[in-house]
Amino acid sequence: MRPYDVVIIGAGPYGLSAAAHLRTIKGLEVCVFGKPMSFWEENMPVGMLLRSNWTATQIADPYESLTLEAYRAASGNHLSAPVPLDRFVQYGQWYQQRAVPDVDRQNIVSVETAPKGFRLRTDDGETVPARRVIIAAGIGSFAWRPQEFRHLSSAQASHTSEHRDLRRFDGQRVLVIGSGQSALESGALLHEAGADVEIVGRAHKINWLQGRLSRALHHRLGKFTRQLLYAPTDVGPAGLSQLMARPDLLRFLPHGLQDKLRRRSVRPAGARWLVERLKDVPIRLGRTVASATASANQVIVRLDDGRERLVDHILLGTGYRVNVGKYEFLNPQILESISCVNGYPVLRKGLESSVPGLHFLGAPAAWSFGPLMQFVSGTHYASRAVTRYILAEPEPAKGQAIVRHGRSIPSV
């Protein structure tokens, strides 16, 4: 079988956007594997709203024609802001049907190096050779389950990503752990579904986005000043937002400083529209769980202040911790060759890892290219960066396949 020039693993926003951009290179054979928008459709709760603003919810495409506005006009679907999860999933599937209609829905179960690149294997046993592999497999493998809950069964404690419909907890007493968007929105959805909910978080206060003072300041600043202070990518506070939108500039800073700026830009926070929905949900801050003990069909939870709770279920809104070693499809030999820092691959220009021809898009790229890579708005930078990198490749030596380059991709 003749190898593909590029195989993309993952058909979410990053995988689809990268494929759409790469297919502007004439003669480049690109194949995408995965079920389109599967993580968003299967691992996010019904009723969820996207926290990012309208502009930052757009999936990048090379011709800027597959926008939310275009989807709304083509489908007749009403779209509100914030964008509901189900509409975003439909938008992503609409994008895929127009930009990458030939997605192969098989899963890749193995990636290993080969003499002329890589050899991949699908879940039905098919072998797929590729000269270059782009991993855009999302964050599903990185769901974080703190140590104090790992001994509990899935019936007693689960991560927010494990539930599509929280209405199953109707009438149950549920303890939600966390103080970020995932925990807070899950608490609201559980309460609205009829559960008896309490939220416990180690933070001493909740960072609410766009408070009254912030909204008043934005109104006074005027449109021009707001555009100077805030990038359309919607990552980071005033001023810092513009730096986060420029990964190539951020990379020049010492990593110690980058880490401080990253924490300031993506600290746990909740959308302002959750405040009213949580007014009847008790939230206990500045507390951690000292122990969680199974008792028949329930769990006894003891907090660090000695108080106890008897609950039917613990829902972990504890986020995600990137560790590419948890991508089970990566061959151990490849994993050993990937230079990493705290689970993140160290990436160079074109989001290429220390293994030549192996690229990572999305959250795994955050250590090297900043927190923008954790959001849909990062597709604009990542897709163009990897496409420019491949366009700039030197012509292959005699006897190698020739890749004919087409149009260039503008920078962000």
Protein backbone atom coordinates (compact mmCIF):
# COMPACT_ATOMS: atom_id res chain seq x y z
CA MET A 1 0.00 0.00 0.00
CA ARG A 2 1.38 3.39 -1.01
CA PRO A 3 1.91 5.53 2.10
CA TYR A 4 -0.10 8.64 2.83
CA ASP A 5 1.89 11.84 3.07
CA VAL A 6 0.07 12.71 6.30
CA VAL A 7 -2.20 10.70 8.58
CA ILE A 8 -4.15 12.63 11.21
CA ILE A 9 -5.36 10.76 14.29
CA GLY A 10 -8.48 12.45 15.63
CA ALA A 11 -11.49 14.09 13.99
CA GLY A 12 -12.27 16.80 16.50
CA PRO A 13 -11.74 20.54 15.88
CA TYR A 14 -7.93 20.28 15.67
CA GLY A 15 -7.83 17.22 13.42
CA LEU A 16 -10.50 18.53 11.05
CA SER A 17 -8.97 22.00 10.86
CA ALA A 18 -5.48 20.61 10.19
CA ALA A 19 -6.84 18.39 7.40
CA ALA A 20 -8.73 21.28 5.80
CA HIS A 21 -5.56 23.39 5.74
CA LEU A 22 -3.23 20.63 4.58
CA ARG A 23 -5.51 19.79 1.66
CA THR A 24 -4.73 23.19 0.18
CA ILE A 25 -1.29 21.75 -0.63
CA LYS A 26 -1.63 20.29 -4.09
CA GLY A 27 -0.67 16.64 -4.37
CA LEU A 28 -0.45 16.07 -0.63
CA GLU A 29 -2.33 12.92 0.36
CA VAL A 30 -3.98 13.38 3.75
CA CYS A 31 -6.16 10.90 5.64
CA VAL A 32 -8.05 11.50 8.89
CA PHE A 33 -9.01 8.67 11.25
CA GLY A 34 -11.66 8.92 13.96
CA LYS A 35 -15.32 9.61 14.59
CA PRO A 36 -16.02 13.32 13.94
CA MET A 37 -16.57 15.34 17.13
CA SER A 38 -16.86 12.12 19.18
CA PHE A 39 -15.45 13.47 22.48
CA TRP A 40 -17.72 16.50 22.39
CA GLU A 41 -20.72 14.37 21.52
CA GLU A 42 -20.12 11.43 23.86
CA ASN A 43 -18.19 12.82 26.84
CA MET A 44 -19.75 16.22 27.48
CA PRO A 45 -23.04 16.61 29.38
CA VAL A 46 -26.34 17.38 27.68
CA GLY A 47 -27.26 21.00 28.37
CA MET A 48 -23.67 22.25 28.53
CA LEU A 49 -22.83 25.69 27.16
CA LEU A 50 -19.42 26.60 25.72
CA ARG A 51 -17.60 29.10 27.89
CA SER A 52 -15.59 30.68 25.05
CA ASN A 53 -17.05 33.65 23.23
CA TRP A 54 -18.57 33.48 19.75
CA THR A 55 -15.38 34.31 17.85
CA ALA A 56 -13.27 31.85 19.83
CA THR A 57 -15.74 29.02 19.13
CA GLN A 58 -15.05 29.03 15.39
CA ILE A 59 -13.06 26.12 13.95
CA ALA A 60 -10.35 27.53 11.67
CA ASP A 61 -10.59 26.80 7.94
CA PRO A 62 -8.20 28.04 5.25
CA TYR A 63 -10.79 30.08 3.37
CA GLU A 64 -12.66 31.44 6.44
CA SER A 65 -15.93 30.22 4.95
CA LEU A 66 -16.93 27.52 7.45
CA THR A 67 -17.93 29.87 10.25
CA LEU A 68 -20.70 29.66 12.82
CA GLU A 69 -22.54 32.29 10.80
CA ALA A 70 -22.26 30.15 7.66
CA TYR A 71 -23.47 27.09 9.56
CA ARG A 72 -26.41 29.01 10.96
CA ALA A 73 -27.39 30.26 7.51
CA ALA A 74 -26.99 26.83 5.88
CA SER A 75 -28.79 24.84 8.56
CA GLY A 76 -31.43 27.29 9.70
CA ASN A 77 -30.49 26.48 13.30
CA HIS A 78 -30.81 29.28 15.78
CA LEU A 79 -27.53 29.89 17.58
CA SER A 80 -27.30 31.80 20.83
CA ALA A 81 -24.29 32.98 22.78
CA PRO A 82 -22.97 31.16 24.73
CA VAL A 83 -23.15 28.39 22.13
CA PRO A 84 -24.97 25.23 23.33
CA LEU A 85 -23.02 21.99 23.18
CA ASP A 86 -25.42 20.23 20.82
CA ARG A 87 -25.24 23.08 18.31
CA PHE A 88 -21.44 23.11 18.49
CA VAL A 89 -21.32 19.37 17.80
CA GLN A 90 -23.65 19.85 14.82
CA TYR A 91 -21.48 22.72 13.61
CA GLY A 92 -18.37 20.51 13.82
CA GLN A 93 -20.09 17.72 11.90
CA TRP A 94 -21.28 20.23 9.28
CA TYR A 95 -17.67 21.50 9.01
CA GLN A 96 -16.41 17.94 8.55
CA GLN A 97 -18.93 17.11 5.81
CA ARG A 98 -17.76 20.11 3.80
CA ALA A 99 -14.04 20.22 4.50
CA VAL A 100 -13.11 16.56 5.13
CA PRO A 101 -15.98 14.43 3.79
CA ASP A 102 -13.88 11.25 3.55
CA VAL A 103 -12.94 10.83 7.23
CA ASP A 104 -12.15 7.18 7.99
CA ARG A 105 -14.15 6.35 11.13
CA GLN A 106 -11.88 3.49 12.16
CA ASN A 107 -9.77 3.94 15.28
CA ILE A 108 -5.99 3.78 15.17
CA VAL A 109 -4.78 1.27 17.76
CA SER A 110 -1.05 1.27 17.02
CA VAL A 111 1.56 3.72 15.73
CA GLU A 112 5.17 2.63 15.26
CA THR A 113 8.13 3.86 13.27
CA ALA A 114 8.95 2.34 9.88
CA PRO A 115 11.87 2.71 7.42
CA LYS A 116 10.06 5.45 5.47
CA GLY A 117 8.05 7.05 8.23
CA PHE A 118 5.39 5.30 10.29
CA ARG A 119 3.23 2.22 10.25
CA LEU A 120 -0.25 2.47 11.75
CA ARG A 121 -2.81 -0.23 12.46
CA THR A 122 -6.58 0.24 12.65
CA ASP A 123 -8.95 -1.56 14.99
CA ASP A 124 -9.97 -3.93 12.20
CA GLY A 125 -6.35 -4.95 11.56
CA GLU A 126 -5.63 -2.81 8.50
CA THR A 127 -2.06 -1.54 8.14
CA VAL A 128 -1.67 2.11 7.10
CA PRO A 129 1.78 3.46 6.10
CA ALA A 130 2.42 7.20 6.48
CA ARG A 131 5.37 9.52 6.00
CA ARG A 132 4.10 11.89 8.68
CA VAL A 133 1.63 11.52 11.58
CA ILE A 134 -0.31 14.30 13.29
CA ILE A 135 -1.85 13.39 16.63
CA ALA A 136 -4.97 15.42 17.39
CA ALA A 137 -6.56 12.82 19.66
CA GLY A 138 -7.93 15.21 22.26
CA ILE A 139 -7.96 15.06 26.05
CA GLY A 140 -10.16 12.05 26.76
CA SER A 141 -7.15 9.97 27.84
CA PHE A 142 -6.06 12.64 30.34
CA ALA A 143 -9.08 12.82 32.70
CA TRP A 144 -7.61 13.37 36.17
CA ARG A 145 -8.82 11.20 39.05
CA PRO A 146 -7.09 12.25 42.31
CA GLN A 147 -5.46 9.56 44.40
CA GLU A 148 -7.99 9.69 47.25
CA PHE A 149 -10.76 8.50 44.91
CA ARG A 150 -8.95 5.83 42.87
CA HIS A 151 -9.96 2.95 45.14
CA LEU A 152 -13.68 3.68 44.58
CA SER A 153 -15.65 1.97 41.83
CA SER A 154 -17.08 3.87 38.88
CA ALA A 155 -20.51 3.50 40.49
CA GLN A 156 -19.22 5.41 43.53
CA ALA A 157 -16.97 8.04 41.93
CA SER A 158 -16.57 9.15 38.31
CA HIS A 159 -15.10 11.94 36.24
CA THR A 160 -17.34 14.53 34.58
CA SER A 161 -16.16 13.27 31.17
CA GLU A 162 -17.74 9.88 31.84
CA HIS A 163 -21.30 11.16 31.67
CA ARG A 164 -23.37 12.23 28.72
CA ASP A 165 -26.65 12.68 30.62
CA LEU A 166 -26.59 13.79 34.26
CA ARG A 167 -30.32 13.18 34.65
CA ARG A 168 -29.42 9.65 35.77
CA PHE A 169 -28.63 11.19 39.20
CA ASP A 170 -32.17 12.46 39.74
CA GLY A 171 -33.04 12.02 43.44
CA GLN A 172 -29.48 11.11 44.46
CA ARG A 173 -27.13 12.97 46.78
CA VAL A 174 -24.06 13.94 44.75
CA LEU A 175 -20.85 15.60 45.91
CA VAL A 176 -19.05 17.50 43.15
CA ILE A 177 -15.30 18.04 43.57
CA GLY A 178 -13.72 21.12 41.98
CA SER A 179 -14.18 24.86 41.53
CA GLY A 180 -13.64 25.36 37.79
CA GLN A 181 -16.11 25.51 34.91
CA SER A 182 -16.56 21.74 34.62
CA ALA A 183 -17.37 21.27 38.31
CA LEU A 184 -19.59 24.34 38.56
CA GLU A 185 -21.58 23.65 35.40
CA SER A 186 -21.98 19.99 36.35
CA GLY A 187 -23.30 21.13 39.73
CA ALA A 188 -25.86 23.36 38.02
CA LEU A 189 -26.95 20.63 35.62
CA LEU A 190 -27.25 18.09 38.44
CA HIS A 191 -29.35 20.49 40.50
CA GLU A 192 -31.60 21.15 37.52
CA ALA A 193 -31.91 17.40 36.95
CA GLY A 194 -33.27 16.85 40.46
CA ALA A 195 -30.15 15.76 42.33
CA ASP A 196 -29.25 16.92 45.85
CA VAL A 197 -25.90 18.59 45.12
CA GLU A 198 -23.04 20.06 47.08
CA ILE A 199 -19.81 21.41 45.56
CA VAL A 200 -16.50 21.20 47.43
CA GLY A 201 -13.33 22.89 46.15
CA ARG A 202 -9.84 23.53 47.50
CA ALA A 203 -9.81 27.10 46.13
CA HIS A 204 -10.71 29.81 48.64
CA LYS A 205 -12.81 31.71 46.13
CA ILE A 206 -14.40 31.17 42.75
CA ASN A 207 -13.01 33.21 39.89
CA TRP A 208 -16.11 34.39 38.06
CA LEU A 209 -15.53 35.59 34.52
CA GLN A 210 -16.93 38.93 33.40
CA GLY A 211 -18.18 40.32 36.69
CA ARG A 212 -20.13 43.56 37.01
CA LEU A 213 -17.00 45.68 37.37
CA SER A 214 -15.38 43.96 34.39
CA ARG A 215 -18.47 44.41 32.22
CA ALA A 216 -18.72 48.09 33.16
CA LEU A 217 -15.04 48.59 32.35
CA HIS A 218 -15.43 46.87 28.98
CA HIS A 219 -18.35 49.14 28.15
CA ARG A 220 -16.34 52.27 29.02
CA LEU A 221 -13.27 51.17 27.09
CA GLY A 222 -15.05 51.18 23.75
CA LYS A 223 -14.63 48.73 20.89
CA PHE A 224 -11.19 49.93 19.71
CA THR A 225 -9.56 49.77 23.15
CA ARG A 226 -11.13 46.38 23.87
CA GLN A 227 -9.67 45.02 20.65
CA LEU A 228 -6.23 46.28 21.71
CA LEU A 229 -6.45 44.59 25.11
CA TYR A 230 -8.29 41.40 24.17
CA ALA A 231 -7.46 39.05 21.30
CA PRO A 232 -10.39 37.32 19.57
CA THR A 233 -8.96 33.98 20.73
CA ASP A 234 -10.44 34.74 24.19
CA VAL A 235 -7.62 33.24 26.29
CA GLY A 236 -6.18 35.32 29.12
CA PRO A 237 -7.01 38.63 30.84
CA ALA A 238 -6.61 42.13 29.37
CA GLY A 239 -3.24 42.69 27.69
CA LEU A 240 -2.03 39.18 28.43
CA SER A 241 -4.68 37.93 26.00
CA GLN A 242 -2.72 39.38 23.09
CA LEU A 243 0.45 37.54 24.12
CA MET A 244 -1.38 34.22 24.55
CA ALA A 245 -2.73 34.65 21.00
CA ARG A 246 0.85 34.72 19.66
CA PRO A 247 2.55 31.43 20.54
CA ASP A 248 5.66 32.20 18.49
CA LEU A 249 6.24 35.31 20.62
CA LEU A 250 5.41 33.54 23.88
CA ARG A 251 8.03 30.88 23.10
CA PHE A 252 10.83 33.47 23.35
CA LEU A 253 10.16 33.96 27.06
CA PRO A 254 11.89 31.87 29.77
CA HIS A 255 9.78 28.84 30.65
CA GLY A 256 9.54 29.91 34.27
CA LEU A 257 7.86 33.13 33.18
CA GLN A 258 5.74 31.24 30.65
CA ASP A 259 4.44 29.00 33.43
CA LYS A 260 3.42 32.02 35.53
CA LEU A 261 1.64 33.64 32.60
CA ARG A 262 -0.05 30.34 31.72
CA ARG A 263 -1.41 29.93 35.26
CA ARG A 264 -2.68 33.51 35.20
CA SER A 265 -4.40 32.94 31.84
CA VAL A 266 -6.15 29.63 32.44
CA ARG A 267 -6.76 29.46 36.18
CA PRO A 268 -9.94 27.62 37.24
CA ALA A 269 -12.92 29.91 36.69
CA GLY A 270 -16.63 29.84 36.14
CA ALA A 271 -18.77 31.60 33.56
CA ARG A 272 -20.84 34.45 35.01
CA TRP A 273 -24.08 32.91 33.72
CA LEU A 274 -23.69 30.07 36.23
CA VAL A 275 -24.10 32.33 39.28
CA GLU A 276 -27.90 32.44 39.15
CA ARG A 277 -28.16 28.73 38.37
CA LEU A 278 -26.06 27.85 41.43
CA LYS A 279 -27.78 30.13 43.96
CA ASP A 280 -29.50 27.16 45.63
CA VAL A 281 -26.48 24.84 45.48
CA PRO A 282 -24.24 24.82 48.58
CA ILE A 283 -20.60 25.50 47.69
CA ARG A 284 -17.93 24.80 50.29
CA LEU A 285 -14.56 26.35 49.45
CA GLY A 286 -11.12 26.06 51.00
CA ARG A 287 -11.72 22.40 51.77
CA THR A 288 -10.19 19.13 50.58
CA VAL A 289 -11.30 15.51 50.91
CA ALA A 290 -9.32 13.69 53.61
CA SER A 291 -10.89 10.30 52.91
CA ALA A 292 -13.66 8.63 50.94
CA THR A 293 -14.87 5.26 52.19
CA ALA A 294 -17.35 2.96 50.47
CA SER A 295 -20.31 2.00 52.68
CA ALA A 296 -22.82 -0.38 51.06
CA ASN A 297 -24.16 1.57 48.08
CA GLN A 298 -22.98 4.93 49.37
CA VAL A 299 -19.73 6.75 50.16
CA ILE A 300 -18.70 8.35 53.46
CA VAL A 301 -16.66 11.45 52.68
CA ARG A 302 -14.60 13.12 55.40
CA LEU A 303 -13.35 16.64 54.73
CA ASP A 304 -10.12 18.07 56.08
CA ASP A 305 -12.06 19.97 58.77
CA GLY A 306 -13.40 16.68 60.15
CA ARG A 307 -16.95 17.05 58.84
CA GLU A 308 -18.49 14.10 57.05
CA ARG A 309 -20.94 13.62 54.20
CA LEU A 310 -22.86 10.50 53.22
CA VAL A 311 -23.43 10.62 49.47
CA ASP A 312 -24.63 8.36 46.69
CA HIS A 313 -21.96 9.47 44.25
CA ILE A 314 -18.86 11.65 43.90
CA LEU A 315 -18.48 13.52 40.61
CA LEU A 316 -14.94 14.65 39.87
CA GLY A 317 -14.74 18.00 38.11
CA THR A 318 -10.98 17.78 38.53
CA GLY A 319 -10.01 18.53 34.96
CA TYR A 320 -7.32 16.92 32.84
CA ARG A 321 -3.57 16.36 33.14
CA VAL A 322 -1.72 15.86 29.88
CA ASN A 323 0.47 12.78 29.65
CA VAL A 324 1.02 11.53 26.10
CA GLY A 325 2.10 8.21 27.57
CA LYS A 326 -1.61 7.59 28.12
CA TYR A 327 -2.24 7.53 24.37
CA GLU A 328 -2.43 3.75 24.19
CA PHE A 329 -1.94 3.68 20.42
CA LEU A 330 1.64 4.96 20.69
CA ASN A 331 4.22 2.19 20.48
CA PRO A 332 6.50 2.03 23.60
CA GLN A 333 9.56 2.58 21.41
CA ILE A 334 8.08 5.83 20.08
CA LEU A 335 7.13 6.96 23.59
CA GLU A 336 10.70 6.46 24.75
CA SER A 337 11.91 8.66 21.87
CA ILE A 338 9.54 11.56 22.58
CA SER A 339 11.21 14.24 24.67
CA CYS A 340 8.67 15.26 27.34
CA VAL A 341 8.31 17.62 30.31
CA ASN A 342 5.72 16.56 32.89
CA GLY A 343 3.88 14.50 30.29
CA TYR A 344 3.87 17.22 27.62
CA PRO A 345 5.88 16.58 24.45
CA VAL A 346 8.57 19.15 23.76
CA LEU A 347 7.66 20.53 20.36
CA ARG A 348 9.60 22.60 17.86
CA LYS A 349 8.52 24.59 14.84
CA GLY A 350 5.49 23.12 13.11
CA LEU A 351 4.45 21.46 16.41
CA GLU A 352 6.81 18.58 15.57
CA SER A 353 8.08 16.38 18.39
CA SER A 354 11.59 15.01 18.90
CA VAL A 355 10.50 12.11 16.69
CA PRO A 356 10.84 13.52 13.15
CA GLY A 357 7.51 13.58 11.34
CA LEU A 358 5.40 13.14 14.50
CA HIS A 359 3.33 16.19 15.45
CA PHE A 360 0.97 16.93 18.36
CA LEU A 361 -1.95 19.35 18.17
CA GLY A 362 -4.30 20.54 20.89
CA ALA A 363 -3.68 20.32 24.64
CA PRO A 364 -0.41 18.30 24.40
CA ALA A 365 1.12 21.30 22.60
CA ALA A 366 0.38 23.68 25.48
CA TRP A 367 3.78 23.38 27.20
CA SER A 368 5.58 24.40 24.00
CA PHE A 369 3.07 26.83 22.48
CA GLY A 370 1.03 28.12 25.40
CA PRO A 371 -2.50 27.68 26.77
CA LEU A 372 -4.12 28.75 23.49
CA MET A 373 -3.63 25.12 22.41
CA GLN A 374 -6.18 24.02 25.03
CA PHE A 375 -9.03 25.83 23.27
CA VAL A 376 -10.88 25.61 19.96
CA SER A 377 -9.51 29.04 19.05
CA GLY A 378 -6.03 27.48 18.96
CA THR A 379 -6.95 25.71 15.72
CA HIS A 380 -6.20 28.96 13.88
CA TYR A 381 -2.55 28.95 14.92
CA ALA A 382 -1.90 25.20 14.99
CA SER A 383 -3.36 24.36 11.58
CA ARG A 384 -1.52 27.16 9.83
CA ALA A 385 1.75 26.47 11.65
CA VAL A 386 1.88 22.79 10.71
CA THR A 387 0.83 23.57 7.12
CA ARG A 388 3.52 26.23 6.71
CA TYR A 389 6.06 23.79 8.10
CA ILE A 390 5.16 21.09 5.58
CA LEU A 391 5.10 23.63 2.75
CA ALA A 392 8.65 24.66 3.64
CA GLU A 393 10.01 21.11 3.49
CA PRO A 394 12.94 20.73 1.06
CA GLU A 395 12.30 18.79 -2.12
CA PRO A 396 12.87 15.04 -1.57
CA ALA A 397 15.93 13.30 -2.96
CA LYS A 398 15.74 11.18 -6.09
CA GLY A 399 13.77 8.01 -5.64
CA GLN A 400 11.52 9.55 -2.97
CA ALA A 401 7.95 10.59 -3.55
CA ILE A 402 7.54 14.14 -4.78
CA VAL A 403 5.13 16.42 -2.92
CA ARG A 404 3.96 19.29 -5.09
CA HIS A 405 3.35 22.43 -3.08
CA GLY A 406 0.41 24.67 -3.78
CA ARG A 407 -0.78 27.90 -2.16
CA SER A 408 0.84 29.27 0.99
CA ILE A 409 -1.03 29.64 4.25
CA PRO A 410 -1.14 33.14 5.77
CA SER A 411 0.15 33.60 9.29
CA VAL A 412 -2.14 34.39 12.21
